[in-house]
N, C-alpha and C. Protein backbone atom coordinates (compact mmCIF):
# COMPACT_ATOMS: atom_id res chain seq x y z
N MET A 1 235.32 152.63 228.45
CA MET A 1 234.62 153.91 228.58
C MET A 1 233.82 153.90 229.88
N SER A 2 234.06 154.90 230.76
CA SER A 2 233.30 154.91 232.01
C SER A 2 231.87 155.40 231.78
N LYS A 3 230.97 154.82 232.56
CA LYS A 3 229.54 155.10 232.42
C LYS A 3 229.03 155.85 233.63
N PHE A 4 228.10 156.76 233.38
CA PHE A 4 227.49 157.56 234.43
C PHE A 4 225.97 157.48 234.32
N LEU A 5 225.33 157.46 235.47
CA LEU A 5 223.87 157.50 235.53
C LEU A 5 223.47 158.86 236.06
N ILE A 6 222.79 159.62 235.23
CA ILE A 6 222.33 160.96 235.60
C ILE A 6 220.81 160.89 235.74
N VAL A 7 220.31 161.08 236.95
CA VAL A 7 218.89 160.95 237.23
C VAL A 7 218.32 162.34 237.53
N GLY A 8 217.31 162.73 236.77
CA GLY A 8 216.60 163.98 237.04
C GLY A 8 215.30 163.63 237.73
N LEU A 9 215.03 164.22 238.89
CA LEU A 9 213.80 163.92 239.61
C LEU A 9 212.67 164.86 239.20
N GLY A 10 211.48 164.31 239.13
CA GLY A 10 210.30 165.09 238.77
C GLY A 10 209.08 164.21 238.77
N ASN A 11 207.98 164.77 238.36
CA ASN A 11 206.72 164.04 238.22
C ASN A 11 206.29 164.11 236.76
N ILE A 12 205.74 162.98 236.26
CA ILE A 12 205.31 162.95 234.87
C ILE A 12 203.93 163.59 234.72
N GLY A 13 203.67 164.03 233.52
CA GLY A 13 202.37 164.63 233.21
C GLY A 13 202.47 166.11 232.93
N PRO A 14 201.66 166.60 231.99
CA PRO A 14 201.74 168.02 231.60
C PRO A 14 201.44 168.98 232.75
N GLU A 15 200.63 168.55 233.72
CA GLU A 15 200.29 169.45 234.84
C GLU A 15 201.51 169.74 235.72
N TYR A 16 202.55 168.92 235.63
CA TYR A 16 203.76 169.12 236.45
C TYR A 16 204.93 169.70 235.66
N ALA A 17 204.79 169.81 234.35
CA ALA A 17 205.91 170.10 233.45
C ALA A 17 206.79 171.25 233.92
N PHE A 18 206.21 172.40 234.28
CA PHE A 18 207.04 173.56 234.64
C PHE A 18 206.95 173.90 236.12
N THR A 19 206.69 172.88 236.95
CA THR A 19 206.63 173.14 238.38
C THR A 19 208.04 173.07 238.98
N ARG A 20 208.18 173.69 240.12
CA ARG A 20 209.49 173.73 240.79
C ARG A 20 210.01 172.32 241.10
N HIS A 21 209.08 171.43 241.46
CA HIS A 21 209.47 170.06 241.83
C HIS A 21 210.04 169.29 240.63
N ASN A 22 209.86 169.83 239.44
CA ASN A 22 210.35 169.17 238.23
C ASN A 22 211.68 169.72 237.74
N ALA A 23 212.38 170.43 238.58
CA ALA A 23 213.67 171.02 238.18
C ALA A 23 214.62 169.95 237.63
N GLY A 24 214.64 168.75 238.21
CA GLY A 24 215.51 167.69 237.73
C GLY A 24 215.20 167.28 236.30
N PHE A 25 213.90 167.11 236.00
CA PHE A 25 213.48 166.80 234.63
C PHE A 25 213.89 167.94 233.69
N MET A 26 213.68 169.17 234.14
CA MET A 26 213.94 170.34 233.29
C MET A 26 215.41 170.44 232.91
N VAL A 27 216.31 170.13 233.85
CA VAL A 27 217.75 170.16 233.56
C VAL A 27 218.08 169.14 232.46
N LEU A 28 217.56 167.91 232.60
CA LEU A 28 217.85 166.87 231.61
C LEU A 28 217.21 167.19 230.26
N ASP A 29 215.99 167.73 230.27
CA ASP A 29 215.34 168.11 229.01
C ASP A 29 216.12 169.21 228.30
N ARG A 30 216.63 170.16 229.07
CA ARG A 30 217.41 171.25 228.49
C ARG A 30 218.70 170.69 227.85
N MET A 31 219.35 169.76 228.55
CA MET A 31 220.57 169.16 228.00
C MET A 31 220.25 168.41 226.70
N ALA A 32 219.14 167.68 226.69
CA ALA A 32 218.74 166.93 225.49
C ALA A 32 218.53 167.88 224.31
N ALA A 33 217.87 169.00 224.56
CA ALA A 33 217.63 169.99 223.51
C ALA A 33 218.94 170.60 223.01
N GLN A 34 219.85 170.88 223.94
CA GLN A 34 221.14 171.50 223.58
C GLN A 34 222.05 170.56 222.80
N TYR A 35 222.10 169.30 223.23
CA TYR A 35 223.08 168.37 222.68
C TYR A 35 222.51 167.36 221.70
N GLY A 36 221.21 167.46 221.45
CA GLY A 36 220.62 166.65 220.38
C GLY A 36 220.39 165.19 220.68
N PHE A 37 220.20 164.83 221.94
CA PHE A 37 219.78 163.45 222.22
C PHE A 37 218.32 163.49 222.66
N SER A 38 217.65 162.34 222.58
CA SER A 38 216.23 162.36 222.93
C SER A 38 215.89 161.20 223.86
N PHE A 39 214.85 161.42 224.64
CA PHE A 39 214.38 160.43 225.60
C PHE A 39 213.34 159.53 224.97
N SER A 40 213.34 158.28 225.38
CA SER A 40 212.25 157.38 224.98
C SER A 40 211.73 156.68 226.22
N MET A 41 210.47 156.32 226.16
CA MET A 41 209.81 155.65 227.27
C MET A 41 210.34 154.24 227.39
N THR A 42 210.86 153.89 228.55
CA THR A 42 211.34 152.52 228.81
C THR A 42 210.71 152.10 230.14
N ARG A 43 211.17 151.04 230.68
CA ARG A 43 210.61 150.53 231.93
C ARG A 43 210.91 151.50 233.07
N LEU A 44 209.90 151.97 233.75
CA LEU A 44 209.97 152.84 234.93
C LEU A 44 210.52 154.24 234.67
N ALA A 45 210.85 154.57 233.42
CA ALA A 45 211.49 155.86 233.19
C ALA A 45 211.52 156.24 231.71
N TYR A 46 211.77 157.53 231.49
CA TYR A 46 212.20 157.99 230.18
C TYR A 46 213.72 157.94 230.25
N THR A 47 214.36 157.39 229.23
CA THR A 47 215.83 157.26 229.26
C THR A 47 216.44 157.75 227.96
N ALA A 48 217.70 158.11 228.07
CA ALA A 48 218.48 158.54 226.90
C ALA A 48 219.94 158.18 227.15
N LYS A 49 220.65 157.92 226.06
CA LYS A 49 222.09 157.68 226.15
C LYS A 49 222.80 158.71 225.31
N TRP A 50 223.95 159.15 225.78
CA TRP A 50 224.73 160.14 225.05
C TRP A 50 226.19 160.00 225.45
N SER A 51 227.11 160.08 224.49
CA SER A 51 228.54 160.03 224.79
C SER A 51 229.11 161.44 224.79
N HIS A 52 229.97 161.71 225.77
CA HIS A 52 230.58 163.04 225.89
C HIS A 52 232.01 162.87 226.42
N LYS A 53 232.98 163.34 225.62
CA LYS A 53 234.39 163.31 226.02
C LYS A 53 234.82 161.94 226.54
N GLY A 54 234.47 160.90 225.81
CA GLY A 54 234.88 159.56 226.18
C GLY A 54 234.10 158.93 227.32
N LYS A 55 233.03 159.56 227.74
CA LYS A 55 232.19 159.03 228.82
C LYS A 55 230.83 158.66 228.25
N GLN A 56 230.26 157.57 228.74
CA GLN A 56 228.91 157.16 228.35
C GLN A 56 227.95 157.65 229.41
N LEU A 57 227.04 158.55 229.03
CA LEU A 57 226.08 159.11 229.98
C LEU A 57 224.72 158.48 229.73
N PHE A 58 224.13 157.96 230.79
CA PHE A 58 222.81 157.34 230.73
C PHE A 58 221.88 158.20 231.57
N PHE A 59 220.91 158.85 230.92
CA PHE A 59 220.01 159.78 231.58
C PHE A 59 218.68 159.08 231.91
N VAL A 60 218.17 159.34 233.10
CA VAL A 60 216.93 158.71 233.55
C VAL A 60 216.01 159.76 234.16
N LYS A 61 214.77 159.78 233.69
CA LYS A 61 213.70 160.58 234.30
C LYS A 61 212.64 159.58 234.76
N PRO A 62 212.65 159.22 236.06
CA PRO A 62 211.73 158.18 236.53
C PRO A 62 210.25 158.55 236.27
N THR A 63 209.48 157.56 235.89
CA THR A 63 208.04 157.76 235.66
C THR A 63 207.23 157.21 236.84
N THR A 64 207.90 156.94 237.93
CA THR A 64 207.27 156.34 239.11
C THR A 64 206.68 157.38 240.04
N TYR A 65 206.72 158.64 239.67
CA TYR A 65 206.40 159.76 240.56
C TYR A 65 207.51 159.86 241.60
N MET A 66 207.63 161.05 242.12
CA MET A 66 208.75 161.42 242.99
C MET A 66 208.99 160.42 244.13
N ASN A 67 207.94 160.04 244.84
CA ASN A 67 208.11 159.27 246.07
C ASN A 67 208.59 157.84 245.87
N LEU A 68 208.67 157.39 244.61
CA LEU A 68 209.15 156.04 244.31
C LEU A 68 210.32 156.06 243.34
N SER A 69 211.04 157.16 243.31
CA SER A 69 212.15 157.33 242.36
C SER A 69 213.24 156.27 242.49
N GLY A 70 213.43 155.75 243.68
CA GLY A 70 214.50 154.76 243.92
C GLY A 70 214.36 153.50 243.09
N LYS A 71 213.12 153.13 242.75
CA LYS A 71 212.91 151.91 241.94
C LYS A 71 213.63 152.03 240.60
N ALA A 72 213.44 153.15 239.92
CA ALA A 72 214.07 153.35 238.60
C ALA A 72 215.59 153.49 238.76
N VAL A 73 216.03 154.23 239.78
CA VAL A 73 217.47 154.43 239.98
C VAL A 73 218.16 153.08 240.18
N SER A 74 217.63 152.28 241.06
CA SER A 74 218.23 150.97 241.36
C SER A 74 218.24 150.07 240.13
N MET A 75 217.11 150.02 239.42
CA MET A 75 217.02 149.15 238.26
C MET A 75 218.05 149.52 237.18
N TYR A 76 218.17 150.81 236.88
CA TYR A 76 219.09 151.23 235.83
C TYR A 76 220.54 151.15 236.26
N MET A 77 220.83 151.34 237.54
CA MET A 77 222.20 151.13 238.01
C MET A 77 222.62 149.69 237.76
N LYS A 78 221.72 148.75 238.09
CA LYS A 78 222.01 147.33 237.89
C LYS A 78 222.09 147.00 236.40
N GLN A 79 221.06 147.42 235.66
CA GLN A 79 220.99 147.09 234.24
C GLN A 79 222.19 147.61 233.47
N GLU A 80 222.61 148.82 233.76
CA GLU A 80 223.71 149.45 233.04
C GLU A 80 225.07 149.20 233.71
N ASN A 81 225.05 148.50 234.84
CA ASN A 81 226.26 148.18 235.59
C ASN A 81 227.07 149.45 235.93
N ILE A 82 226.38 150.40 236.56
CA ILE A 82 226.99 151.68 236.92
C ILE A 82 227.20 151.75 238.43
N PRO A 83 228.43 151.97 238.87
CA PRO A 83 228.71 152.02 240.31
C PRO A 83 228.12 153.28 240.95
N VAL A 84 227.84 153.20 242.23
CA VAL A 84 227.19 154.31 242.94
C VAL A 84 228.01 155.60 242.87
N GLU A 85 229.34 155.49 242.76
CA GLU A 85 230.15 156.72 242.67
C GLU A 85 229.98 157.44 241.33
N ASN A 86 229.36 156.76 240.35
CA ASN A 86 229.07 157.38 239.05
C ASN A 86 227.60 157.74 238.89
N LEU A 87 226.91 157.84 240.02
CA LEU A 87 225.50 158.25 240.04
C LEU A 87 225.41 159.72 240.44
N LEU A 88 224.63 160.49 239.68
CA LEU A 88 224.35 161.88 240.04
C LEU A 88 222.84 162.09 239.95
N VAL A 89 222.24 162.54 241.05
CA VAL A 89 220.81 162.81 241.10
C VAL A 89 220.61 164.32 241.08
N VAL A 90 219.82 164.80 240.13
CA VAL A 90 219.52 166.23 240.00
C VAL A 90 218.13 166.46 240.58
N THR A 91 218.04 167.34 241.57
CA THR A 91 216.78 167.53 242.29
C THR A 91 216.55 168.99 242.66
N ASP A 92 215.30 169.34 242.87
CA ASP A 92 214.97 170.67 243.37
C ASP A 92 215.32 170.75 244.87
N ASP A 93 215.56 171.95 245.36
CA ASP A 93 215.85 172.15 246.78
C ASP A 93 215.26 173.48 247.26
N LYS A 94 214.26 173.39 248.12
CA LYS A 94 213.60 174.58 248.65
C LYS A 94 214.48 175.30 249.68
N ASP A 95 215.53 174.66 250.17
CA ASP A 95 216.40 175.30 251.15
C ASP A 95 217.49 176.15 250.53
N LEU A 96 217.53 176.18 249.21
CA LEU A 96 218.47 177.04 248.50
C LEU A 96 217.68 178.13 247.79
N PRO A 97 218.21 179.36 247.75
CA PRO A 97 217.53 180.42 247.00
C PRO A 97 217.41 180.05 245.53
N PHE A 98 216.39 180.57 244.86
CA PHE A 98 216.22 180.30 243.44
C PHE A 98 217.52 180.60 242.69
N SER A 99 217.91 179.72 241.80
CA SER A 99 219.06 179.78 240.90
C SER A 99 220.39 179.34 241.52
N LYS A 100 220.42 179.11 242.83
CA LYS A 100 221.65 178.59 243.45
C LYS A 100 221.77 177.11 243.14
N LEU A 101 222.98 176.65 242.83
CA LEU A 101 223.24 175.23 242.63
C LEU A 101 224.16 174.75 243.74
N ARG A 102 223.93 173.52 244.19
CA ARG A 102 224.80 172.96 245.22
C ARG A 102 225.06 171.49 244.87
N LEU A 103 226.31 171.22 244.49
CA LEU A 103 226.73 169.87 244.16
C LEU A 103 227.38 169.28 245.40
N LYS A 104 226.96 168.07 245.78
CA LYS A 104 227.51 167.43 246.97
C LYS A 104 227.80 165.96 246.67
N PRO A 105 228.88 165.41 247.26
CA PRO A 105 229.22 164.01 247.02
C PRO A 105 228.30 163.03 247.73
N LYS A 106 227.56 163.50 248.74
CA LYS A 106 226.65 162.65 249.52
C LYS A 106 225.82 163.58 250.39
N GLY A 107 224.88 163.03 251.12
CA GLY A 107 224.12 163.88 252.02
C GLY A 107 222.80 163.28 252.42
N SER A 108 222.10 163.99 253.28
CA SER A 108 220.79 163.52 253.74
C SER A 108 219.73 163.96 252.73
N PRO A 109 218.55 163.35 252.79
CA PRO A 109 217.50 163.74 251.86
C PRO A 109 216.93 165.13 252.14
N GLY A 110 217.16 165.65 253.34
CA GLY A 110 216.69 167.00 253.68
C GLY A 110 215.18 167.18 253.48
N GLY A 111 214.41 166.15 253.79
CA GLY A 111 212.97 166.25 253.66
C GLY A 111 212.45 166.00 252.24
N HIS A 112 213.34 165.71 251.30
CA HIS A 112 212.93 165.47 249.90
C HIS A 112 212.54 164.01 249.74
N ASN A 113 211.28 163.76 249.39
CA ASN A 113 210.77 162.39 249.32
C ASN A 113 211.43 161.55 248.22
N GLY A 114 211.80 162.19 247.11
CA GLY A 114 212.50 161.46 246.06
C GLY A 114 213.84 160.94 246.54
N LEU A 115 214.61 161.81 247.20
CA LEU A 115 215.91 161.40 247.73
C LEU A 115 215.75 160.37 248.83
N LYS A 116 214.73 160.53 249.68
CA LYS A 116 214.46 159.57 250.76
C LYS A 116 214.28 158.16 250.20
N HIS A 117 213.49 158.06 249.13
CA HIS A 117 213.23 156.74 248.55
C HIS A 117 214.49 156.16 247.90
N ILE A 118 215.27 157.00 247.25
CA ILE A 118 216.54 156.53 246.65
C ILE A 118 217.45 156.01 247.76
N ASP A 119 217.56 156.75 248.87
CA ASP A 119 218.38 156.31 250.00
C ASP A 119 217.93 154.94 250.51
N GLU A 120 216.59 154.78 250.66
CA GLU A 120 216.04 153.51 251.17
C GLU A 120 216.38 152.36 250.23
N VAL A 121 216.12 152.56 248.94
CA VAL A 121 216.31 151.46 247.96
C VAL A 121 217.79 151.13 247.80
N LEU A 122 218.65 152.14 247.74
CA LEU A 122 220.09 151.88 247.57
C LEU A 122 220.77 151.48 248.87
N GLY A 123 220.14 151.82 249.99
CA GLY A 123 220.73 151.51 251.30
C GLY A 123 221.92 152.39 251.61
N THR A 124 222.00 153.57 250.99
CA THR A 124 223.11 154.48 251.23
C THR A 124 222.71 155.91 250.86
N GLN A 125 223.44 156.86 251.48
CA GLN A 125 223.33 158.26 251.08
C GLN A 125 224.61 158.71 250.38
N GLU A 126 225.47 157.75 250.09
CA GLU A 126 226.78 158.02 249.51
C GLU A 126 226.72 158.07 247.99
N TYR A 127 225.95 159.01 247.47
CA TYR A 127 225.89 159.25 246.04
C TYR A 127 225.79 160.75 245.82
N ALA A 128 226.29 161.20 244.68
CA ALA A 128 226.33 162.64 244.40
C ALA A 128 224.95 163.15 244.06
N ARG A 129 224.71 164.41 244.45
CA ARG A 129 223.46 165.06 244.07
C ARG A 129 223.74 166.50 243.70
N LEU A 130 223.00 166.96 242.72
CA LEU A 130 223.04 168.35 242.31
C LEU A 130 221.71 168.96 242.72
N ARG A 131 221.78 169.84 243.70
CA ARG A 131 220.56 170.48 244.22
C ARG A 131 220.35 171.79 243.48
N PHE A 132 219.14 171.96 242.99
CA PHE A 132 218.75 173.11 242.18
C PHE A 132 217.84 173.98 243.05
N GLY A 133 218.32 175.17 243.42
CA GLY A 133 217.57 176.03 244.32
C GLY A 133 216.27 176.55 243.73
N ILE A 134 215.18 176.34 244.45
CA ILE A 134 213.87 176.84 244.02
C ILE A 134 213.34 177.91 244.99
N GLY A 135 214.09 178.16 246.07
CA GLY A 135 213.64 179.14 247.05
C GLY A 135 212.58 178.57 247.98
N SER A 136 212.15 179.40 248.92
CA SER A 136 211.18 178.95 249.91
C SER A 136 210.18 180.06 250.22
N ASN A 137 209.72 180.69 249.17
CA ASN A 137 208.80 181.82 249.31
C ASN A 137 207.36 181.34 249.50
N PHE A 138 207.11 180.65 250.62
CA PHE A 138 205.75 180.16 250.88
C PHE A 138 205.46 180.32 252.38
N SER A 139 204.19 180.44 252.68
CA SER A 139 203.80 180.58 254.08
C SER A 139 203.60 179.21 254.71
N ARG A 140 203.61 179.19 256.00
CA ARG A 140 203.47 177.95 256.79
C ARG A 140 202.31 177.09 256.26
N GLY A 141 202.59 175.82 256.05
CA GLY A 141 201.57 174.90 255.59
C GLY A 141 201.32 174.93 254.08
N ARG A 142 202.07 175.74 253.35
CA ARG A 142 201.84 175.88 251.90
C ARG A 142 202.99 175.29 251.08
N GLN A 143 203.85 174.49 251.69
CA GLN A 143 205.02 173.95 250.99
C GLN A 143 204.63 173.12 249.77
N ILE A 144 203.62 172.25 249.89
CA ILE A 144 203.25 171.39 248.76
C ILE A 144 202.78 172.22 247.59
N ASP A 145 201.93 173.23 247.87
CA ASP A 145 201.45 174.12 246.81
C ASP A 145 202.62 174.83 246.15
N PHE A 146 203.62 175.21 246.96
CA PHE A 146 204.78 175.93 246.43
C PHE A 146 205.60 175.04 245.49
N VAL A 147 206.01 173.85 245.96
CA VAL A 147 206.88 173.01 245.13
C VAL A 147 206.15 172.49 243.91
N LEU A 148 204.83 172.31 244.00
CA LEU A 148 204.06 171.83 242.85
C LEU A 148 203.51 173.01 242.03
N GLY A 149 203.92 174.23 242.38
CA GLY A 149 203.53 175.41 241.62
C GLY A 149 204.58 175.72 240.55
N GLU A 150 204.15 176.49 239.57
CA GLU A 150 205.06 176.87 238.49
C GLU A 150 205.94 178.03 238.92
N PHE A 151 207.09 178.16 238.27
CA PHE A 151 207.98 179.28 238.52
C PHE A 151 207.27 180.56 238.09
N PRO A 152 207.37 181.64 238.87
CA PRO A 152 206.77 182.91 238.45
C PRO A 152 207.52 183.48 237.24
N ASP A 153 206.91 184.44 236.55
CA ASP A 153 207.46 184.97 235.30
C ASP A 153 208.91 185.46 235.43
N GLU A 154 209.22 186.19 236.50
CA GLU A 154 210.59 186.72 236.61
C GLU A 154 211.62 185.59 236.76
N GLU A 155 211.24 184.49 237.41
CA GLU A 155 212.15 183.35 237.52
C GLU A 155 212.18 182.58 236.20
N MET A 156 211.03 182.49 235.51
CA MET A 156 211.00 181.82 234.20
C MET A 156 211.97 182.49 233.22
N ASP A 157 212.08 183.81 233.32
CA ASP A 157 213.00 184.55 232.44
C ASP A 157 214.45 184.16 232.70
N GLN A 158 214.77 183.87 233.96
CA GLN A 158 216.15 183.51 234.34
C GLN A 158 216.42 182.02 234.18
N LEU A 159 215.35 181.24 234.09
CA LEU A 159 215.47 179.77 234.12
C LEU A 159 216.41 179.19 233.06
N PRO A 160 216.34 179.61 231.78
CA PRO A 160 217.24 179.00 230.79
C PRO A 160 218.72 179.07 231.19
N ALA A 161 219.16 180.21 231.68
CA ALA A 161 220.57 180.35 232.08
C ALA A 161 220.91 179.45 233.25
N VAL A 162 219.98 179.32 234.20
CA VAL A 162 220.23 178.46 235.36
C VAL A 162 220.25 176.99 234.94
N LEU A 163 219.33 176.62 234.05
CA LEU A 163 219.32 175.24 233.55
C LEU A 163 220.60 174.92 232.79
N ASP A 164 221.11 175.89 232.01
CA ASP A 164 222.37 175.70 231.29
C ASP A 164 223.53 175.47 232.26
N ARG A 165 223.56 176.29 233.32
CA ARG A 165 224.63 176.15 234.32
C ARG A 165 224.54 174.79 235.00
N ALA A 166 223.32 174.34 235.30
CA ALA A 166 223.14 173.02 235.93
C ALA A 166 223.61 171.92 234.97
N GLY A 167 223.28 172.06 233.69
CA GLY A 167 223.75 171.07 232.70
C GLY A 167 225.27 171.03 232.62
N ASP A 168 225.88 172.20 232.67
CA ASP A 168 227.35 172.29 232.67
C ASP A 168 227.93 171.59 233.90
N ALA A 169 227.26 171.74 235.05
CA ALA A 169 227.70 171.11 236.29
C ALA A 169 227.63 169.58 236.16
N VAL A 170 226.57 169.08 235.52
CA VAL A 170 226.44 167.65 235.28
C VAL A 170 227.61 167.14 234.45
N LEU A 171 227.92 167.83 233.36
CA LEU A 171 229.03 167.40 232.49
C LEU A 171 230.36 167.50 233.21
N SER A 172 230.52 168.52 234.03
CA SER A 172 231.75 168.68 234.81
C SER A 172 231.92 167.52 235.78
N PHE A 173 230.83 167.10 236.44
CA PHE A 173 230.86 165.95 237.34
C PHE A 173 231.37 164.71 236.59
N CYS A 174 230.86 164.49 235.38
CA CYS A 174 231.21 163.29 234.62
C CYS A 174 232.63 163.33 234.07
N THR A 175 233.11 164.51 233.71
CA THR A 175 234.42 164.59 233.05
C THR A 175 235.56 164.96 233.99
N MET A 176 235.28 165.79 235.00
CA MET A 176 236.35 166.28 235.90
C MET A 176 236.29 165.70 237.29
N GLY A 177 235.16 165.08 237.65
CA GLY A 177 235.00 164.53 238.98
C GLY A 177 234.28 165.50 239.91
N ILE A 178 233.81 164.95 241.02
CA ILE A 178 232.98 165.70 241.96
C ILE A 178 233.68 166.92 242.55
N GLN A 179 234.94 166.76 242.94
CA GLN A 179 235.65 167.84 243.62
C GLN A 179 235.80 169.07 242.72
N GLN A 180 236.28 168.85 241.51
CA GLN A 180 236.46 169.95 240.57
C GLN A 180 235.12 170.58 240.20
N ALA A 181 234.11 169.75 240.00
CA ALA A 181 232.77 170.25 239.66
C ALA A 181 232.23 171.12 240.80
N MET A 182 232.44 170.68 242.05
CA MET A 182 232.00 171.46 243.20
C MET A 182 232.72 172.82 243.23
N ASN A 183 234.01 172.80 242.99
CA ASN A 183 234.79 174.06 242.98
C ASN A 183 234.25 175.03 241.92
N ASN A 184 233.84 174.47 240.78
CA ASN A 184 233.39 175.32 239.67
C ASN A 184 231.95 175.80 239.80
N TYR A 185 231.07 175.03 240.44
CA TYR A 185 229.64 175.34 240.37
C TYR A 185 228.97 175.65 241.69
N ASN A 186 229.59 175.37 242.81
CA ASN A 186 228.98 175.76 244.10
C ASN A 186 229.36 177.20 244.38
N GLN A 187 228.36 178.10 244.38
CA GLN A 187 228.68 179.53 244.59
C GLN A 187 228.58 179.84 246.08
């Protein structure tokens, strides 16, 4: 049975729960609610295991805060013996309009500190990522307030459908591969 490591990036704590920067956590939490698996606190992360269509999925929400996400990613890749080609990192992206999804087989961190740390620790950018568009509706110098701010009401109303689509993209990556998943979910 092939194994996959699905990492949702975010920050722990109730003050961050519904912030844009927690889109990765939100996607994994939505999948857990939909498919009936649950996370438990383990070393460096909240983790969950779930089998889907003959694949073993290992979900990780690092508790190291965003800027040190690579520690948990590296540890669980080694512990679960999961190759880098079966790693998918789900992250927010301010360079995409709200609700746009972009699945890529590799790429640069694009200024995202969580991805930067994962790149440093793994020594590669050759891993898949699912970027969750949060938009960039902020004025100069207000980026941190924006990404650590909560989604406004009109986006909150649309959020469940976007989270569902992101969860479907995760499952497509695991069952059909990156190319087919990109064809289906990159608009």
